[in-house]
């Protein structure tokens, strides 16, 4: 890893913080994921872009299963 210093405006910092909270990762990891996603470029189809992002997120079966359970529980709670 290399340390780097960047100056970001307040709205951008807020968006980075929001992503980090949503993904439950550090600010640095949120920035890495955002840059990785942006660097995929417009020439890739959606499925290839999704697969590339998923591989960079180092998803494990355990993490995917936990996420699936969480989403199902949230859906159950919000049903009328």
Protein backbone atom coordinates (compact mmCIF):
# COMPACT_ATOMS: atom_id res chain seq x y z
CA UNK A 1 0.00 0.00 0.00
CA UNK A 2 1.07 3.56 -0.63
CA UNK A 3 -0.10 6.56 1.34
CA UNK A 4 -1.42 9.50 -0.64
CA UNK A 5 -2.95 12.83 0.27
CA UNK A 6 -5.83 14.34 -1.69
CA UNK A 7 -7.96 17.39 -1.15
CA UNK A 8 -11.69 16.73 -1.50
CA UNK A 9 -14.58 19.14 -1.17
CA UNK A 10 -17.07 18.65 1.67
CA UNK A 11 -19.83 17.04 -0.47
CA UNK A 12 -17.35 14.47 -1.83
CA UNK A 13 -16.14 13.62 1.68
CA UNK A 14 -19.76 13.17 2.75
CA UNK A 15 -20.36 10.81 -0.18
CA UNK A 16 -17.22 8.81 0.66
CA UNK A 17 -18.33 8.58 4.30
CA UNK A 18 -21.81 7.48 3.21
CA UNK A 19 -20.37 4.74 0.99
CA UNK A 20 -18.03 3.59 3.74
CA UNK A 21 -20.93 3.29 6.20
CA UNK A 22 -23.16 1.52 3.68
CA UNK A 23 -20.42 -0.95 2.77
CA UNK A 24 -19.16 -1.20 6.38
CA UNK A 25 -15.59 -0.49 5.32
CA UNK A 26 -13.00 2.22 5.94
CA UNK A 27 -12.94 5.47 3.98
CA UNK A 28 -9.84 4.24 2.17
CA UNK A 29 -11.56 1.03 1.09
CA UNK A 30 -14.61 2.99 -0.08
CA UNK A 31 -12.36 5.19 -2.23
CA UNK A 32 -10.52 2.11 -3.61
CA UNK A 33 -13.84 0.46 -4.56
CA UNK A 34 -15.18 3.64 -6.15
CA UNK A 35 -12.02 4.14 -8.19
CA UNK A 36 -12.00 0.47 -9.22
CA UNK A 37 -15.61 0.72 -10.34
CA UNK A 38 -15.02 3.96 -12.23
CA UNK A 39 -11.92 2.55 -13.94
CA UNK A 40 -13.90 -0.30 -15.48
CA UNK A 41 -14.76 2.11 -18.26
CA UNK A 42 -17.64 2.47 -20.68
CA UNK A 43 -16.51 -0.32 -23.02
CA UNK A 44 -17.51 -3.13 -20.69
CA UNK A 45 -20.95 -4.61 -20.61
CA UNK A 46 -22.88 -4.56 -17.34
CA UNK A 47 -22.35 -8.21 -16.44
CA UNK A 48 -18.59 -7.99 -16.96
CA UNK A 49 -18.49 -4.84 -14.86
CA UNK A 50 -20.44 -6.57 -12.07
CA UNK A 51 -18.14 -9.59 -12.11
CA UNK A 52 -15.06 -7.37 -12.01
CA UNK A 53 -16.43 -5.43 -9.06
CA UNK A 54 -17.40 -8.59 -7.20
CA UNK A 55 -13.95 -10.09 -7.67
CA UNK A 56 -12.33 -6.94 -6.27
CA UNK A 57 -14.66 -7.02 -3.26
CA UNK A 58 -13.28 -10.46 -2.30
CA UNK A 59 -16.74 -11.83 -1.66
CA UNK A 60 -16.85 -15.12 0.19
CA UNK A 61 -19.80 -17.48 0.40
CA UNK A 62 -20.13 -16.61 4.08
CA UNK A 63 -20.33 -12.86 3.37
CA UNK A 64 -22.80 -13.36 0.51
CA UNK A 65 -25.00 -15.62 2.64
CA UNK A 66 -24.98 -13.09 5.49
CA UNK A 67 -25.92 -10.30 3.11
CA UNK A 68 -28.73 -12.41 1.61
CA UNK A 69 -30.15 -13.14 5.08
CA UNK A 70 -29.96 -9.45 6.00
CA UNK A 71 -31.80 -8.36 2.84
CA UNK A 72 -34.51 -11.00 3.27
CA UNK A 73 -35.03 -9.92 6.89
CA UNK A 74 -35.28 -6.26 5.86
CA UNK A 75 -37.85 -7.14 3.20
CA UNK A 76 -39.90 -9.12 5.73
CA UNK A 77 -39.89 -6.17 8.15
CA UNK A 78 -41.08 -3.73 5.50
CA UNK A 79 -43.94 -5.83 4.11
CA UNK A 80 -47.39 -4.35 4.86
